Amino acid sequence: MPLPEKEGIKTSDQEFDRHFGVIAVQQKIKPQKLAQQLKDNGTLSQVQEEIMNAKVIDLLEEKAKVTEIDPKPEGVHNHSHELGHDH
Protein backbone atom coordinates (compact mmCIF):
# COMPACT_ATOMS: atom_id res chain seq x y z
CA MET A 1 0.00 0.00 0.00
CA PRO A 2 1.48 3.39 -0.97
CA LEU A 3 2.37 5.71 1.91
CA PRO A 4 -0.14 8.45 1.01
CA GLU A 5 -2.96 5.90 0.97
CA LYS A 6 -1.73 4.24 4.16
CA GLU A 7 -1.52 7.58 5.96
CA GLY A 8 -4.77 8.93 4.49
CA ILE A 9 -3.01 11.77 2.68
CA LYS A 10 -5.15 13.41 0.02
CA THR A 11 -5.04 16.61 -1.97
CA SER A 12 -7.93 19.00 -1.58
CA ASP A 13 -9.35 21.29 -4.23
CA GLN A 14 -8.15 24.25 -2.17
CA GLU A 15 -4.57 22.95 -2.15
CA PHE A 16 -4.78 22.29 -5.87
CA ASP A 17 -6.11 25.80 -6.54
CA ARG A 18 -3.44 27.36 -4.32
CA HIS A 19 -0.67 25.45 -6.07
CA PHE A 20 -2.12 26.43 -9.43
CA GLY A 21 -2.18 30.05 -8.35
CA VAL A 22 1.50 29.97 -7.43
CA ILE A 23 2.50 28.39 -10.74
CA ALA A 24 0.30 30.82 -12.68
CA VAL A 25 1.90 33.82 -10.96
CA GLN A 26 5.37 32.43 -11.67
CA GLN A 27 4.48 31.97 -15.35
CA LYS A 28 2.52 35.25 -15.48
CA ILE A 29 -0.66 33.67 -16.84
CA LYS A 30 -4.18 33.23 -15.50
CA PRO A 31 -4.83 30.05 -13.47
CA GLN A 32 -7.62 29.04 -15.88
CA LYS A 33 -5.24 29.26 -18.86
CA LEU A 34 -2.63 27.26 -16.96
CA ALA A 35 -5.18 24.58 -16.13
CA GLN A 36 -6.17 24.34 -19.78
CA GLN A 37 -2.54 24.08 -20.89
CA LEU A 38 -1.87 21.29 -18.41
CA LYS A 39 -5.02 19.44 -19.48
CA ASP A 40 -4.06 19.83 -23.13
CA ASN A 41 -0.54 18.49 -22.70
CA GLY A 42 -1.52 15.78 -20.20
CA THR A 43 0.50 17.03 -17.24
CA LEU A 44 -2.35 17.93 -14.92
CA SER A 45 -1.78 14.72 -12.94
CA GLN A 46 1.85 15.75 -12.40
CA VAL A 47 0.67 18.80 -10.47
CA GLN A 48 -1.41 16.59 -8.21
CA GLU A 49 1.59 14.32 -7.76
CA GLU A 50 3.79 17.29 -6.81
CA ILE A 51 1.31 18.34 -4.14
CA MET A 52 1.07 14.77 -2.84
CA ASN A 53 4.88 14.42 -2.76
CA ALA A 54 5.20 17.66 -0.79
CA LYS A 55 2.65 16.41 1.73
CA VAL A 56 4.44 13.06 2.08
CA ILE A 57 7.76 14.86 2.67
CA ASP A 58 6.10 17.06 5.30
CA LEU A 59 4.74 13.96 7.02
CA LEU A 60 8.12 12.22 6.95
CA GLU A 61 9.85 15.29 8.37
CA GLU A 62 7.21 15.55 11.07
CA LYS A 63 7.60 11.90 12.11
CA ALA A 64 11.36 11.62 11.63
CA LYS A 65 13.50 10.94 14.65
CA VAL A 66 16.92 12.54 14.41
CA THR A 67 19.77 11.02 16.35
CA GLU A 68 22.95 13.01 16.57
CA ILE A 69 26.23 11.18 16.90
CA ASP A 70 29.73 12.48 17.45
CA PRO A 71 31.91 12.25 14.35
CA LYS A 72 34.88 9.90 14.47
CA PRO A 73 38.27 11.55 14.90
CA GLU A 74 40.27 12.09 11.70
CA GLY A 75 42.07 8.98 10.50
CA VAL A 76 39.91 6.50 12.45
CA HIS A 77 37.80 4.16 10.35
CA ASN A 78 36.12 0.77 10.66
CA HIS A 79 37.40 -1.20 7.69
CA SER A 80 40.53 -3.17 6.87
CA HIS A 81 42.90 -2.68 4.01
CA GLU A 82 43.24 -6.41 3.26
CA LEU A 83 41.63 -6.10 -0.19
CA GLY A 84 44.04 -3.45 -1.39
CA HIS A 85 41.98 -0.44 -0.32
CA ASP A 86 44.24 2.46 0.42
CA HIS A 87 43.76 6.08 1.38
C-alpha atoms as a PDB file:
ATOM      1  CA  MET A   1       0.000   0.000   0.000  1.00  0.00           C
ATOM      2  CA  PRO A   2       1.481   3.392  -0.974  1.00  0.00           C
ATOM      3  CA  LEU A   3       2.373   5.708   1.907  1.00  0.00           C
ATOM      4  CA  PRO A   4      -0.142   8.449   1.009  1.00  0.00           C
ATOM      5  CA  GLU A   5      -2.956   5.905   0.968  1.00  0.00           C
ATOM      6  CA  LYS A   6      -1.726   4.235   4.157  1.00  0.00           C
ATOM      7  CA  GLU A   7      -1.521   7.584   5.963  1.00  0.00           C
ATOM      8  CA  GLY A   8      -4.770   8.930   4.492  1.00  0.00           C
ATOM      9  CA  ILE A   9      -3.008  11.773   2.681  1.00  0.00           C
ATOM     10  CA  LYS A  10      -5.147  13.406   0.024  1.00  0.00           C
ATOM     11  CA  THR A  11      -5.036  16.610  -1.967  1.00  0.00           C
ATOM     12  CA  SER A  12      -7.930  18.996  -1.576  1.00  0.00           C
ATOM     13  CA  ASP A  13      -9.355  21.291  -4.235  1.00  0.00           C
ATOM     14  CA  GLN A  14      -8.153  24.249  -2.173  1.00  0.00           C
ATOM     15  CA  GLU A  15      -4.568  22.954  -2.146  1.00  0.00           C
ATOM     16  CA  PHE A  16      -4.776  22.292  -5.865  1.00  0.00           C
ATOM     17  CA  ASP A  17      -6.107  25.796  -6.536  1.00  0.00           C
ATOM     18  CA  ARG A  18      -3.437  27.364  -4.316  1.00  0.00           C
ATOM     19  CA  HIS A  19      -0.670  25.446  -6.073  1.00  0.00           C
ATOM     20  CA  PHE A  20      -2.123  26.430  -9.434  1.00  0.00           C
ATOM     21  CA  GLY A  21      -2.179  30.052  -8.352  1.00  0.00           C
ATOM     22  CA  VAL A  22       1.499  29.975  -7.425  1.00  0.00           C
ATOM     23  CA  ILE A  23       2.499  28.391 -10.741  1.00  0.00           C
ATOM     24  CA  ALA A  24       0.304  30.815 -12.676  1.00  0.00           C
ATOM     25  CA  VAL A  25       1.899  33.818 -10.955  1.00  0.00           C
ATOM     26  CA  GLN A  26       5.369  32.435 -11.674  1.00  0.00           C
ATOM     27  CA  GLN A  27       4.477  31.974 -15.346  1.00  0.00           C
ATOM     28  CA  LYS A  28       2.524  35.253 -15.477  1.00  0.00           C
ATOM     29  CA  ILE A  29      -0.660  33.670 -16.836  1.00  0.00           C
ATOM     30  CA  LYS A  30      -4.178  33.230 -15.501  1.00  0.00           C
ATOM     31  CA  PRO A  31      -4.831  30.049 -13.474  1.00  0.00           C
ATOM     32  CA  GLN A  32      -7.615  29.036 -15.883  1.00  0.00           C
ATOM     33  CA  LYS A  33      -5.238  29.263 -18.855  1.00  0.00           C
ATOM     34  CA  LEU A  34      -2.625  27.258 -16.964  1.00  0.00           C
ATOM     35  CA  ALA A  35      -5.178  24.575 -16.130  1.00  0.00           C
ATOM     36  CA  GLN A  36      -6.169  24.340 -19.779  1.00  0.00           C
ATOM     37  CA  GLN A  37      -2.544  24.085 -20.893  1.00  0.00           C
ATOM     38  CA  LEU A  38      -1.873  21.292 -18.411  1.00  0.00           C
ATOM     39  CA  LYS A  39      -5.017  19.440 -19.485  1.00  0.00           C
ATOM     40  CA  ASP A  40      -4.064  19.830 -23.130  1.00  0.00           C
ATOM     41  CA  ASN A  41      -0.541  18.493 -22.698  1.00  0.00           C
ATOM     42  CA  GLY A  42      -1.521  15.780 -20.198  1.00  0.00           C
ATOM     43  CA  THR A  43       0.504  17.035 -17.244  1.00  0.00           C
ATOM     44  CA  LEU A  44      -2.352  17.931 -14.916  1.00  0.00           C
ATOM     45  CA  SER A  45      -1.785  14.725 -12.941  1.00  0.00           C
ATOM     46  CA  GLN A  46       1.845  15.746 -12.395  1.00  0.00           C
ATOM     47  CA  VAL A  47       0.670  18.801 -10.472  1.00  0.00           C
ATOM     48  CA  GLN A  48      -1.414  16.585  -8.208  1.00  0.00           C
ATOM     49  CA  GLU A  49       1.591  14.317  -7.764  1.00  0.00           C
ATOM     50  CA  GLU A  50       3.794  17.289  -6.813  1.00  0.00           C
ATOM     51  CA  ILE A  51       1.305  18.339  -4.145  1.00  0.00           C
ATOM     52  CA  MET A  52       1.072  14.767  -2.841  1.00  0.00           C
ATOM     53  CA  ASN A  53       4.877  14.416  -2.757  1.00  0.00           C
ATOM     54  CA  ALA A  54       5.201  17.656  -0.792  1.00  0.00           C
ATOM     55  CA  LYS A  55       2.646  16.409   1.730  1.00  0.00           C
ATOM     56  CA  VAL A  56       4.439  13.063   2.078  1.00  0.00           C
ATOM     57  CA  ILE A  57       7.760  14.859   2.667  1.00  0.00           C
ATOM     58  CA  ASP A  58       6.098  17.057   5.297  1.00  0.00           C
ATOM     59  CA  LEU A  59       4.738  13.955   7.019  1.00  0.00           C
ATOM     60  CA  LEU A  60       8.122  12.218   6.955  1.00  0.00           C
ATOM     61  CA  GLU A  61       9.849  15.292   8.372  1.00  0.00           C
ATOM     62  CA  GLU A  62       7.213  15.548  11.072  1.00  0.00           C
ATOM     63  CA  LYS A  63       7.598  11.895  12.111  1.00  0.00           C
ATOM     64  CA  ALA A  64      11.361  11.618  11.633  1.00  0.00           C
ATOM     65  CA  LYS A  65      13.505  10.938  14.652  1.00  0.00           C
ATOM     66  CA  VAL A  66      16.917  12.543  14.413  1.00  0.00           C
ATOM     67  CA  THR A  67      19.769  11.016  16.355  1.00  0.00           C
ATOM     68  CA  GLU A  68      22.951  13.014  16.571  1.00  0.00           C
ATOM     69  CA  ILE A  69      26.234  11.184  16.902  1.00  0.00           C
ATOM     70  CA  ASP A  70      29.732  12.483  17.447  1.00  0.00           C
ATOM     71  CA  PRO A  71      31.913  12.246  14.350  1.00  0.00           C
ATOM     72  CA  LYS A  72      34.882   9.900  14.474  1.00  0.00           C
ATOM     73  CA  PRO A  73      38.271  11.554  14.903  1.00  0.00           C
ATOM     74  CA  GLU A  74      40.272  12.094  11.697  1.00  0.00           C
ATOM     75  CA  GLY A  75      42.069   8.979  10.498  1.00  0.00           C
ATOM     76  CA  VAL A  76      39.907   6.502  12.445  1.00  0.00           C
ATOM     77  CA  HIS A  77      37.801   4.161  10.346  1.00  0.00           C
ATOM     78  CA  ASN A  78      36.123   0.771  10.657  1.00  0.00           C
ATOM     79  CA  HIS A  79      37.398  -1.199   7.693  1.00  0.00           C
ATOM     80  CA  SER A  80      40.528  -3.169   6.873  1.00  0.00           C
ATOM     81  CA  HIS A  81      42.896  -2.679   4.005  1.00  0.00           C
ATOM     82  CA  GLU A  82      43.243  -6.405   3.259  1.00  0.00           C
ATOM     83  CA  LEU A  83      41.625  -6.100  -0.191  1.00  0.00           C
ATOM     84  CA  GLY A  84      44.041  -3.448  -1.388  1.00  0.00           C
ATOM     85  CA  HIS A  85      41.975  -0.441  -0.323  1.00  0.00           C
ATOM     86  CA  ASP A  86      44.237   2.464   0.421  1.00  0.00           C
ATOM     87  CA  HIS A  87      43.756   6.082   1.384  1.00  0.00           C
END
